[in-house]
Amino acid sequence: MPTSKSGSAPNARPSTPAPEAHRLGGEKLARAGEALFLMPGEWYFGREAMSVRTLLGSCVAVTLWHPVKQMGGMCHYLLPERRGPAGAPDGRYGIEAIELLVQRLKRAGTQPDEYVAHLYGGADTMPDATGVKLNVGERNIETGWTLIDKYGFQLDGVDVGDHIPRNVTLHLASGEVHVKRGTRHQTPQGE
């Protein structure tokens, strides 16, 4: 069979790369069965992904899962709320990240009180020796608690505070959430 200059058959359709996960203003989209990793400020809601994972320090992640419809999501926010001029909803801020998830779950024909929620993160990542206490982790935790209560989610799991990072994975087929805790920062003796 004759081939074109590129080496493919003349009537063959050009191959297109598999679709990538897209990012739209902090939202992550997934292909069926994909394992997603959320960076700070990103969020996901749906049933296409196999799992959603993130790594937390002072940031907070809220996971949501609908036990009947087997769908859900996660957000990873950096700060409780936006300071300064309003703009398009932004997943970097807890209030806006949770609102984005609520908008999406309502578009899916569900209500917040049908979802099981978990709250993770909010570590105090500033060593005591610095003398600086911004309490970002504490403020992020408080915002998470407040929003879970406000929307009526069914709180099922919590692992917040302390001084350690957390690796959090939500498995969307089962709703199971696995948390791997890091190690506490230790200062050498004599300091």
N, C-alpha and C. Protein backbone atom coordinates (compact mmCIF):
# COMPACT_ATOMS: atom_id res chain seq x y z
N MET A 1 0.84 -1.16 0.00
CA MET A 1 0.00 0.00 0.00
C MET A 1 0.89 1.23 0.00
N PRO A 2 0.61 2.23 -0.85
CA PRO A 2 1.42 3.44 -0.88
C PRO A 2 1.29 4.21 0.43
N THR A 3 2.32 4.91 0.78
CA THR A 3 2.28 5.71 1.99
C THR A 3 2.55 7.16 1.66
N SER A 4 2.12 8.03 2.52
CA SER A 4 2.38 9.46 2.34
C SER A 4 3.76 9.77 2.89
N LYS A 5 4.17 11.03 2.77
CA LYS A 5 5.48 11.42 3.25
C LYS A 5 5.65 11.16 4.74
N SER A 6 4.55 11.20 5.48
CA SER A 6 4.67 10.98 6.91
C SER A 6 4.75 9.50 7.25
N GLY A 7 4.57 8.63 6.27
CA GLY A 7 4.68 7.21 6.50
C GLY A 7 3.36 6.53 6.79
N SER A 8 2.24 7.25 6.73
CA SER A 8 0.95 6.62 7.00
C SER A 8 0.24 6.36 5.68
N ALA A 9 -0.74 5.49 5.69
CA ALA A 9 -1.52 5.19 4.49
C ALA A 9 -2.22 6.46 4.02
N PRO A 10 -2.38 6.65 2.68
CA PRO A 10 -2.91 7.90 2.17
C PRO A 10 -4.34 8.19 2.64
N ASN A 11 -5.16 7.20 2.87
CA ASN A 11 -6.54 7.45 3.27
C ASN A 11 -6.75 7.30 4.78
N ALA A 12 -5.69 7.07 5.49
CA ALA A 12 -5.81 6.90 6.94
C ALA A 12 -6.06 8.25 7.59
N ARG A 13 -6.87 8.24 8.61
CA ARG A 13 -7.12 9.48 9.34
C ARG A 13 -5.90 9.79 10.19
N PRO A 14 -5.53 11.05 10.28
CA PRO A 14 -4.39 11.38 11.13
C PRO A 14 -4.70 11.02 12.58
N SER A 15 -3.71 10.48 13.25
CA SER A 15 -3.95 10.12 14.65
C SER A 15 -3.95 11.39 15.48
N THR A 16 -4.82 11.39 16.46
CA THR A 16 -4.86 12.53 17.36
C THR A 16 -4.49 12.04 18.75
N PRO A 17 -3.80 12.87 19.47
CA PRO A 17 -3.41 12.43 20.81
C PRO A 17 -4.65 12.25 21.68
N ALA A 18 -4.52 11.38 22.67
CA ALA A 18 -5.62 11.17 23.62
C ALA A 18 -5.92 12.48 24.32
N PRO A 19 -7.18 12.73 24.64
CA PRO A 19 -7.50 14.00 25.30
C PRO A 19 -6.80 14.09 26.65
N GLU A 20 -6.30 15.26 26.95
CA GLU A 20 -5.64 15.52 28.22
C GLU A 20 -6.68 16.00 29.23
N ALA A 21 -6.35 15.90 30.51
CA ALA A 21 -7.20 16.53 31.52
C ALA A 21 -7.10 18.03 31.30
N HIS A 22 -8.20 18.73 31.35
CA HIS A 22 -8.22 20.16 31.10
C HIS A 22 -8.35 20.91 32.40
N ARG A 23 -7.84 22.11 32.40
CA ARG A 23 -7.96 22.97 33.57
C ARG A 23 -8.69 24.23 33.15
N LEU A 24 -9.84 24.47 33.76
CA LEU A 24 -10.62 25.66 33.47
C LEU A 24 -10.81 26.44 34.75
N GLY A 25 -10.00 27.45 34.95
CA GLY A 25 -10.14 28.28 36.13
C GLY A 25 -10.07 27.51 37.43
N GLY A 26 -9.19 26.55 37.54
CA GLY A 26 -9.04 25.76 38.74
C GLY A 26 -9.75 24.42 38.67
N GLU A 27 -10.70 24.26 37.73
CA GLU A 27 -11.40 22.98 37.61
C GLU A 27 -10.55 22.01 36.81
N LYS A 28 -10.49 20.80 37.27
CA LYS A 28 -9.81 19.73 36.55
C LYS A 28 -10.85 18.81 35.96
N LEU A 29 -10.71 18.48 34.72
CA LEU A 29 -11.57 17.51 34.05
C LEU A 29 -10.78 16.23 33.86
N ALA A 30 -11.50 15.10 33.77
CA ALA A 30 -10.80 13.83 33.69
C ALA A 30 -11.36 12.95 32.59
N ARG A 31 -10.51 12.08 32.09
CA ARG A 31 -10.94 11.00 31.21
C ARG A 31 -11.42 9.86 32.09
N ALA A 32 -12.21 8.98 31.53
CA ALA A 32 -12.72 7.82 32.28
C ALA A 32 -11.54 7.01 32.84
N GLY A 33 -11.60 6.71 34.13
CA GLY A 33 -10.59 5.88 34.77
C GLY A 33 -9.30 6.56 35.12
N GLU A 34 -9.21 7.86 34.93
CA GLU A 34 -7.97 8.58 35.19
C GLU A 34 -7.76 8.82 36.68
N ALA A 35 -6.52 8.77 37.11
CA ALA A 35 -6.14 9.13 38.47
C ALA A 35 -5.65 10.58 38.41
N LEU A 36 -6.39 11.48 39.06
CA LEU A 36 -6.06 12.90 39.01
C LEU A 36 -5.23 13.32 40.22
N PHE A 37 -4.37 14.30 40.01
CA PHE A 37 -3.65 14.93 41.10
C PHE A 37 -4.02 16.40 41.10
N LEU A 38 -4.52 16.91 42.22
CA LEU A 38 -4.89 18.32 42.33
C LEU A 38 -3.74 19.14 42.92
N MET A 39 -3.44 20.22 42.24
CA MET A 39 -2.50 21.20 42.74
C MET A 39 -3.30 22.21 43.58
N PRO A 40 -2.63 23.03 44.40
CA PRO A 40 -3.35 24.04 45.17
C PRO A 40 -4.22 24.93 44.26
N GLY A 41 -5.46 25.14 44.67
CA GLY A 41 -6.40 25.96 43.91
C GLY A 41 -7.22 25.18 42.91
N GLU A 42 -6.92 23.90 42.71
CA GLU A 42 -7.67 23.09 41.76
C GLU A 42 -8.78 22.32 42.46
N TRP A 43 -9.78 21.93 41.68
CA TRP A 43 -10.90 21.14 42.21
C TRP A 43 -11.44 20.26 41.10
N TYR A 44 -12.12 19.20 41.52
CA TYR A 44 -12.71 18.25 40.56
C TYR A 44 -14.05 17.80 41.11
N PHE A 45 -15.02 17.62 40.20
CA PHE A 45 -16.29 17.00 40.56
C PHE A 45 -16.76 16.17 39.37
N GLY A 46 -17.20 14.94 39.63
CA GLY A 46 -17.73 14.09 38.57
C GLY A 46 -17.66 12.63 38.96
N ARG A 47 -17.71 11.78 37.93
CA ARG A 47 -17.60 10.34 38.18
C ARG A 47 -16.63 9.69 37.19
N GLU A 48 -16.04 10.50 36.32
CA GLU A 48 -15.13 9.95 35.31
C GLU A 48 -13.81 9.48 35.91
N ALA A 49 -13.26 10.27 36.81
CA ALA A 49 -11.95 9.93 37.40
C ALA A 49 -12.07 8.68 38.26
N MET A 50 -11.03 7.90 38.27
CA MET A 50 -10.95 6.74 39.16
C MET A 50 -10.67 7.22 40.59
N SER A 51 -9.75 8.19 40.70
CA SER A 51 -9.38 8.72 42.00
C SER A 51 -8.92 10.16 41.85
N VAL A 52 -8.96 10.87 42.98
CA VAL A 52 -8.46 12.25 43.04
C VAL A 52 -7.56 12.32 44.26
N ARG A 53 -6.36 12.85 44.06
CA ARG A 53 -5.35 12.87 45.13
C ARG A 53 -4.75 14.26 45.23
N THR A 54 -4.31 14.62 46.44
CA THR A 54 -3.60 15.87 46.63
C THR A 54 -2.67 15.76 47.83
N LEU A 55 -1.76 16.70 47.94
CA LEU A 55 -0.79 16.77 49.04
C LEU A 55 -1.03 18.08 49.77
N LEU A 56 -1.20 18.03 51.10
CA LEU A 56 -1.57 19.20 51.88
C LEU A 56 -0.54 19.52 52.96
N GLY A 57 -0.36 20.82 53.16
CA GLY A 57 0.36 21.35 54.32
C GLY A 57 -0.67 22.17 55.09
N SER A 58 -0.55 23.50 55.00
CA SER A 58 -1.53 24.37 55.67
C SER A 58 -2.81 24.48 54.86
N CYS A 59 -2.78 24.06 53.60
CA CYS A 59 -3.98 24.05 52.77
C CYS A 59 -4.97 23.02 53.30
N VAL A 60 -6.20 23.11 52.84
CA VAL A 60 -7.24 22.18 53.26
C VAL A 60 -7.89 21.56 52.03
N ALA A 61 -8.23 20.29 52.15
CA ALA A 61 -9.01 19.60 51.13
C ALA A 61 -10.33 19.16 51.75
N VAL A 62 -11.39 19.36 50.99
CA VAL A 62 -12.70 18.83 51.35
C VAL A 62 -13.05 17.82 50.27
N THR A 63 -13.41 16.60 50.67
CA THR A 63 -13.86 15.59 49.72
C THR A 63 -15.36 15.42 49.88
N LEU A 64 -16.03 15.16 48.77
CA LEU A 64 -17.48 14.91 48.76
C LEU A 64 -17.73 13.64 47.97
N TRP A 65 -18.68 12.83 48.44
CA TRP A 65 -19.03 11.61 47.73
C TRP A 65 -20.51 11.31 47.92
N HIS A 66 -21.18 10.99 46.81
CA HIS A 66 -22.59 10.63 46.83
C HIS A 66 -22.68 9.11 46.82
N PRO A 67 -23.10 8.48 47.93
CA PRO A 67 -23.08 7.02 48.02
C PRO A 67 -24.03 6.30 47.07
N VAL A 68 -25.10 6.94 46.64
CA VAL A 68 -26.03 6.30 45.72
C VAL A 68 -25.59 6.46 44.28
N LYS A 69 -25.23 7.66 43.91
CA LYS A 69 -24.84 7.95 42.51
C LYS A 69 -23.37 7.68 42.24
N GLN A 70 -22.60 7.39 43.26
CA GLN A 70 -21.17 7.10 43.15
C GLN A 70 -20.43 8.15 42.34
N MET A 71 -20.60 9.39 42.77
CA MET A 71 -19.85 10.49 42.17
C MET A 71 -19.46 11.44 43.29
N GLY A 72 -18.53 12.29 43.00
CA GLY A 72 -18.09 13.22 44.03
C GLY A 72 -16.94 14.06 43.56
N GLY A 73 -16.23 14.60 44.51
CA GLY A 73 -15.12 15.46 44.14
C GLY A 73 -14.29 15.88 45.32
N MET A 74 -13.37 16.78 45.01
CA MET A 74 -12.43 17.28 46.01
C MET A 74 -12.02 18.68 45.60
N CYS A 75 -11.78 19.52 46.59
CA CYS A 75 -11.14 20.80 46.34
C CYS A 75 -9.92 20.91 47.24
N HIS A 76 -8.96 21.72 46.80
CA HIS A 76 -7.72 21.95 47.55
C HIS A 76 -7.54 23.46 47.60
N TYR A 77 -7.89 24.07 48.74
CA TYR A 77 -7.78 25.52 48.81
C TYR A 77 -6.64 25.97 49.70
N LEU A 78 -6.11 27.16 49.37
CA LEU A 78 -4.94 27.72 50.05
C LEU A 78 -5.29 28.67 51.18
N LEU A 79 -6.34 29.47 50.98
CA LEU A 79 -6.73 30.50 51.94
C LEU A 79 -8.23 30.44 52.17
N PRO A 80 -8.69 30.90 53.33
CA PRO A 80 -10.12 30.82 53.62
C PRO A 80 -10.98 31.65 52.67
N GLU A 81 -10.55 32.89 52.40
CA GLU A 81 -11.34 33.77 51.55
C GLU A 81 -10.45 34.74 50.82
N ARG A 82 -11.03 35.36 49.81
CA ARG A 82 -10.32 36.34 48.98
C ARG A 82 -10.26 37.68 49.71
N ARG A 83 -9.14 38.32 49.63
CA ARG A 83 -8.97 39.69 50.11
C ARG A 83 -8.76 40.55 48.87
N GLY A 84 -9.49 41.61 48.75
CA GLY A 84 -9.32 42.46 47.59
C GLY A 84 -10.51 42.36 46.67
N PRO A 85 -10.35 42.86 45.44
CA PRO A 85 -11.49 42.92 44.53
C PRO A 85 -12.00 41.54 44.13
N ALA A 86 -13.32 41.45 44.01
CA ALA A 86 -13.95 40.20 43.58
C ALA A 86 -13.63 39.94 42.11
N GLY A 87 -13.63 38.70 41.76
CA GLY A 87 -13.40 38.30 40.38
C GLY A 87 -14.17 37.03 40.12
N ALA A 88 -13.81 36.35 39.07
CA ALA A 88 -14.43 35.05 38.78
C ALA A 88 -14.15 34.11 39.95
N PRO A 89 -15.07 33.19 40.27
CA PRO A 89 -14.83 32.24 41.37
C PRO A 89 -13.48 31.54 41.20
N ASP A 90 -12.78 31.42 42.30
CA ASP A 90 -11.41 30.94 42.27
C ASP A 90 -11.23 29.85 43.33
N GLY A 91 -10.77 28.68 42.92
CA GLY A 91 -10.59 27.54 43.80
C GLY A 91 -9.48 27.69 44.82
N ARG A 92 -8.72 28.77 44.76
CA ARG A 92 -7.68 28.99 45.77
C ARG A 92 -8.25 29.40 47.12
N TYR A 93 -9.50 29.84 47.13
CA TYR A 93 -10.14 30.35 48.34
C TYR A 93 -11.24 29.40 48.78
N GLY A 94 -11.24 29.01 50.06
CA GLY A 94 -12.16 28.02 50.58
C GLY A 94 -13.62 28.31 50.29
N ILE A 95 -14.06 29.53 50.58
CA ILE A 95 -15.46 29.89 50.36
C ILE A 95 -15.85 29.68 48.90
N GLU A 96 -14.99 30.08 47.98
CA GLU A 96 -15.29 29.98 46.56
C GLU A 96 -15.13 28.54 46.05
N ALA A 97 -14.15 27.82 46.56
CA ALA A 97 -13.92 26.43 46.13
C ALA A 97 -15.13 25.56 46.47
N ILE A 98 -15.64 25.69 47.70
CA ILE A 98 -16.79 24.89 48.11
C ILE A 98 -18.02 25.31 47.31
N GLU A 99 -18.18 26.59 47.06
CA GLU A 99 -19.32 27.06 46.27
C GLU A 99 -19.27 26.49 44.85
N LEU A 100 -18.08 26.40 44.27
CA LEU A 100 -17.94 25.81 42.93
C LEU A 100 -18.38 24.34 42.95
N LEU A 101 -17.98 23.60 43.99
CA LEU A 101 -18.41 22.20 44.11
C LEU A 101 -19.93 22.10 44.27
N VAL A 102 -20.51 22.99 45.09
CA VAL A 102 -21.96 22.96 45.31
C VAL A 102 -22.71 23.28 44.02
N GLN A 103 -22.23 24.25 43.26
CA GLN A 103 -22.87 24.55 41.97
C GLN A 103 -22.85 23.33 41.06
N ARG A 104 -21.72 22.64 41.03
CA ARG A 104 -21.57 21.48 40.16
C ARG A 104 -22.46 20.33 40.61
N LEU A 105 -22.53 20.06 41.90
CA LEU A 105 -23.35 18.94 42.37
C LEU A 105 -24.84 19.23 42.17
N LYS A 106 -25.24 20.49 42.26
CA LYS A 106 -26.63 20.84 41.99
C LYS A 106 -26.95 20.67 40.51
N ARG A 107 -26.00 21.02 39.64
CA ARG A 107 -26.21 20.79 38.19
C ARG A 107 -26.34 19.31 37.88
N ALA A 108 -25.79 18.46 38.75
CA ALA A 108 -25.89 17.01 38.56
C ALA A 108 -27.21 16.48 39.14
N GLY A 109 -28.08 17.39 39.60
CA GLY A 109 -29.38 16.98 40.11
C GLY A 109 -29.37 16.45 41.53
N THR A 110 -28.35 16.82 42.31
CA THR A 110 -28.23 16.35 43.68
C THR A 110 -28.20 17.55 44.63
N GLN A 111 -28.30 17.26 45.92
CA GLN A 111 -28.26 18.30 46.94
C GLN A 111 -27.11 18.03 47.91
N PRO A 112 -26.57 19.08 48.54
CA PRO A 112 -25.43 18.91 49.44
C PRO A 112 -25.65 17.90 50.56
N ASP A 113 -26.86 17.84 51.13
CA ASP A 113 -27.08 16.94 52.26
C ASP A 113 -27.06 15.45 51.88
N GLU A 114 -26.95 15.16 50.59
CA GLU A 114 -26.85 13.78 50.10
C GLU A 114 -25.39 13.30 50.06
N TYR A 115 -24.46 14.18 50.36
CA TYR A 115 -23.03 13.88 50.21
C TYR A 115 -22.35 13.65 51.55
N VAL A 116 -21.46 12.67 51.55
CA VAL A 116 -20.58 12.41 52.67
C VAL A 116 -19.34 13.28 52.45
N ALA A 117 -18.94 14.01 53.50
CA ALA A 117 -17.81 14.92 53.39
C ALA A 117 -16.69 14.50 54.34
N HIS A 118 -15.47 14.82 53.92
CA HIS A 118 -14.28 14.64 54.75
C HIS A 118 -13.50 15.95 54.70
N LEU A 119 -12.80 16.25 55.79
CA LEU A 119 -12.04 17.49 55.91
C LEU A 119 -10.61 17.14 56.34
N TYR A 120 -9.62 17.61 55.57
CA TYR A 120 -8.22 17.26 55.83
C TYR A 120 -7.31 18.47 55.66
N GLY A 121 -6.19 18.43 56.38
CA GLY A 121 -5.14 19.43 56.20
C GLY A 121 -5.10 20.46 57.30
N GLY A 122 -4.69 21.67 56.94
CA GLY A 122 -4.61 22.76 57.90
C GLY A 122 -3.46 22.64 58.88
N ALA A 123 -2.37 22.03 58.45
CA ALA A 123 -1.21 21.88 59.33
C ALA A 123 -0.56 23.23 59.61
N ASP A 124 0.05 23.35 60.77
CA ASP A 124 0.85 24.53 61.11
C ASP A 124 2.24 24.24 60.55
N THR A 125 2.54 24.85 59.41
CA THR A 125 3.79 24.53 58.72
C THR A 125 4.92 25.50 59.03
N MET A 126 4.65 26.50 59.87
CA MET A 126 5.70 27.45 60.24
C MET A 126 6.38 26.98 61.52
N PRO A 127 7.67 26.68 61.48
CA PRO A 127 8.37 26.24 62.69
C PRO A 127 8.26 27.30 63.79
N ASP A 128 8.16 26.84 65.02
CA ASP A 128 8.04 27.75 66.16
C ASP A 128 9.22 28.71 66.26
N ALA A 129 10.37 28.30 65.78
CA ALA A 129 11.57 29.12 65.90
C ALA A 129 11.49 30.40 65.08
N THR A 130 10.60 30.48 64.08
CA THR A 130 10.54 31.68 63.25
C THR A 130 9.90 32.85 63.97
N GLY A 131 9.08 32.57 64.99
CA GLY A 131 8.39 33.64 65.70
C GLY A 131 7.24 34.22 64.92
N VAL A 132 6.95 33.67 63.75
CA VAL A 132 5.86 34.15 62.90
C VAL A 132 4.71 33.16 62.99
N LYS A 133 3.54 33.65 63.34
CA LYS A 133 2.36 32.78 63.40
C LYS A 133 1.24 33.42 62.58
N LEU A 134 1.05 32.91 61.38
CA LEU A 134 0.00 33.43 60.52
C LEU A 134 -1.31 32.68 60.71
N ASN A 135 -1.24 31.50 61.33
CA ASN A 135 -2.42 30.68 61.59
C ASN A 135 -3.24 30.38 60.34
N VAL A 136 -2.60 30.27 59.20
CA VAL A 136 -3.32 29.98 57.96
C VAL A 136 -4.03 28.64 58.05
N GLY A 137 -3.33 27.62 58.56
CA GLY A 137 -3.94 26.31 58.69
C GLY A 137 -5.19 26.34 59.56
N GLU A 138 -5.09 27.02 60.72
CA GLU A 138 -6.25 27.12 61.62
C GLU A 138 -7.42 27.82 60.95
N ARG A 139 -7.13 28.91 60.24
CA ARG A 139 -8.21 29.64 59.56
C ARG A 139 -8.82 28.81 58.44
N ASN A 140 -8.00 28.04 57.74
CA ASN A 140 -8.52 27.16 56.69
C ASN A 140 -9.43 26.07 57.27
N ILE A 141 -9.03 25.51 58.41
CA ILE A 141 -9.84 24.48 59.07
C ILE A 141 -11.18 25.07 59.48
N GLU A 142 -11.16 26.22 60.12
CA GLU A 142 -12.40 26.86 60.58
C GLU A 142 -13.35 27.12 59.40
N THR A 143 -12.80 27.57 58.30
CA THR A 143 -13.62 27.81 57.10
C THR A 143 -14.22 26.50 56.62
N GLY A 144 -13.45 25.44 56.59
CA GLY A 144 -13.96 24.13 56.16
C GLY A 144 -15.11 23.66 57.04
N TRP A 145 -14.93 23.74 58.37
CA TRP A 145 -15.99 23.34 59.31
C TRP A 145 -17.26 24.15 59.04
N THR A 146 -17.09 25.47 58.94
CA THR A 146 -18.23 26.36 58.75
C THR A 146 -19.00 26.04 57.48
N LEU A 147 -18.28 25.79 56.38
CA LEU A 147 -18.94 25.53 55.10
C LEU A 147 -19.60 24.16 55.06
N ILE A 148 -18.99 23.17 55.68
CA ILE A 148 -19.61 21.84 55.74
C ILE A 148 -20.93 21.93 56.49
N ASP A 149 -20.93 22.70 57.59
CA ASP A 149 -22.16 22.90 58.36
C ASP A 149 -23.17 23.73 57.56
N LYS A 150 -22.72 24.80 56.94
CA LYS A 150 -23.61 25.69 56.18
C LYS A 150 -24.38 24.94 55.10
N TYR A 151 -23.68 24.09 54.35
CA TYR A 151 -24.32 23.39 53.23
C TYR A 151 -25.01 22.09 53.65
N GLY A 152 -24.78 21.62 54.86
CA GLY A 152 -25.45 20.42 55.35
C GLY A 152 -24.85 19.11 54.88
N PHE A 153 -23.57 19.12 54.53
CA PHE A 153 -22.90 17.87 54.17
C PHE A 153 -22.86 16.95 55.39
N GLN A 154 -22.82 15.64 55.16
CA GLN A 154 -22.71 14.64 56.22
C GLN A 154 -21.22 14.42 56.51
N LEU A 155 -20.72 15.02 57.56
CA LEU A 155 -19.30 14.92 57.89
C LEU A 155 -18.99 13.52 58.40
N ASP A 156 -18.02 12.86 57.75
CA ASP A 156 -17.71 11.48 58.09
C ASP A 156 -16.26 11.29 58.54
N GLY A 157 -15.35 12.12 58.08
CA GLY A 157 -13.94 11.93 58.42
C GLY A 157 -13.22 13.26 58.54
N VAL A 158 -12.34 13.36 59.54
CA VAL A 158 -11.58 14.58 59.78
C VAL A 158 -10.18 14.21 60.22
N ASP A 159 -9.19 14.87 59.64
CA ASP A 159 -7.81 14.77 60.09
C ASP A 159 -7.18 16.12 59.80
N VAL A 160 -7.17 17.00 60.80
CA VAL A 160 -6.73 18.38 60.60
C VAL A 160 -5.73 18.79 61.67
N GLY A 161 -5.04 19.91 61.39
CA GLY A 161 -4.12 20.50 62.35
C GLY A 161 -2.80 19.76 62.42
N ASP A 162 -2.17 19.83 63.59
CA ASP A 162 -0.87 19.24 63.85
C ASP A 162 0.20 19.98 63.04
N HIS A 163 1.34 19.36 62.85
CA HIS A 163 2.46 20.00 62.14
C HIS A 163 2.94 19.12 60.99
N ILE A 164 2.06 18.31 60.42
CA ILE A 164 2.51 17.33 59.44
C ILE A 164 1.74 17.44 58.12
N PRO A 165 2.41 17.15 57.02
CA PRO A 165 1.71 17.13 55.73
C PRO A 165 0.86 15.87 55.59
N ARG A 166 -0.10 15.92 54.69
CA ARG A 166 -0.97 14.78 54.44
C ARG A 166 -1.12 14.57 52.95
N ASN A 167 -1.14 13.31 52.55
CA ASN A 167 -1.42 12.91 51.18
C ASN A 167 -2.81 12.28 51.22
N VAL A 168 -3.79 12.88 50.53
CA VAL A 168 -5.18 12.46 50.61
C VAL A 168 -5.63 11.95 49.24
N THR A 169 -6.28 10.77 49.23
CA THR A 169 -6.80 10.19 47.99
C THR A 169 -8.25 9.78 48.18
N LEU A 170 -9.11 10.27 47.29
CA LEU A 170 -10.52 9.88 47.25
C LEU A 170 -10.70 8.90 46.10
N HIS A 171 -11.25 7.72 46.40
CA HIS A 171 -11.55 6.71 45.38
C HIS A 171 -13.04 6.85 45.04
N LEU A 172 -13.33 7.25 43.81
CA LEU A 172 -14.70 7.61 43.46
C LEU A 172 -15.65 6.44 43.32
N ALA A 173 -15.20 5.25 43.03
CA ALA A 173 -16.11 4.11 42.90
C ALA A 173 -16.67 3.70 44.25
N SER A 174 -15.87 3.85 45.31
CA SER A 174 -16.28 3.39 46.64
C SER A 174 -16.52 4.51 47.64
N GLY A 175 -15.98 5.68 47.37
CA GLY A 175 -16.06 6.78 48.33
C GLY A 175 -15.02 6.71 49.43
N GLU A 176 -14.16 5.69 49.39
CA GLU A 176 -13.12 5.56 50.40
C GLU A 176 -12.11 6.69 50.26
N VAL A 177 -11.68 7.20 51.41
CA VAL A 177 -10.65 8.22 51.44
C VAL A 177 -9.48 7.66 52.23
N HIS A 178 -8.31 7.70 51.62
CA HIS A 178 -7.09 7.24 52.29
C HIS A 178 -6.21 8.45 52.58
N VAL A 179 -5.69 8.50 53.78
CA VAL A 179 -4.81 9.59 54.20
C VAL A 179 -3.48 8.99 54.64
N LYS A 180 -2.43 9.51 54.07
CA LYS A 180 -1.09 9.12 54.50
C LYS A 180 -0.48 10.35 55.14
N ARG A 181 -0.19 10.24 56.43
CA ARG A 181 0.38 11.35 57.18
C ARG A 181 1.89 11.34 57.05
N GLY A 182 2.46 12.53 56.87
CA GLY A 182 3.90 12.67 56.81
C GLY A 182 4.50 12.62 58.19
N THR A 183 5.76 12.96 58.28
CA THR A 183 6.42 12.93 59.59
C THR A 183 6.54 14.35 60.12
N ARG A 184 6.51 14.44 61.43
CA ARG A 184 6.61 15.73 62.11
C ARG A 184 8.01 16.27 61.93
N HIS A 185 8.10 17.58 61.64
CA HIS A 185 9.40 18.23 61.53
C HIS A 185 10.06 18.25 62.91
N GLN A 186 11.29 17.79 62.98
CA GLN A 186 12.00 17.76 64.26
C GLN A 186 13.22 18.66 64.14
N THR A 187 13.39 19.52 65.14
CA THR A 187 14.57 20.37 65.15
C THR A 187 15.70 19.64 65.83
N PRO A 188 16.92 19.79 65.34
CA PRO A 188 18.05 19.13 65.98
C PRO A 188 18.20 19.60 67.43
N GLN A 189 18.69 18.71 68.29
CA GLN A 189 18.89 19.08 69.69
C GLN A 189 19.92 20.20 69.78
N GLY A 190 19.70 21.07 70.75
CA GLY A 190 20.64 22.18 70.92
C GLY A 190 20.16 23.45 70.25
N GLU A 191 19.11 23.39 69.47
CA GLU A 191 18.61 24.61 68.84
C GLU A 191 17.54 25.24 69.67
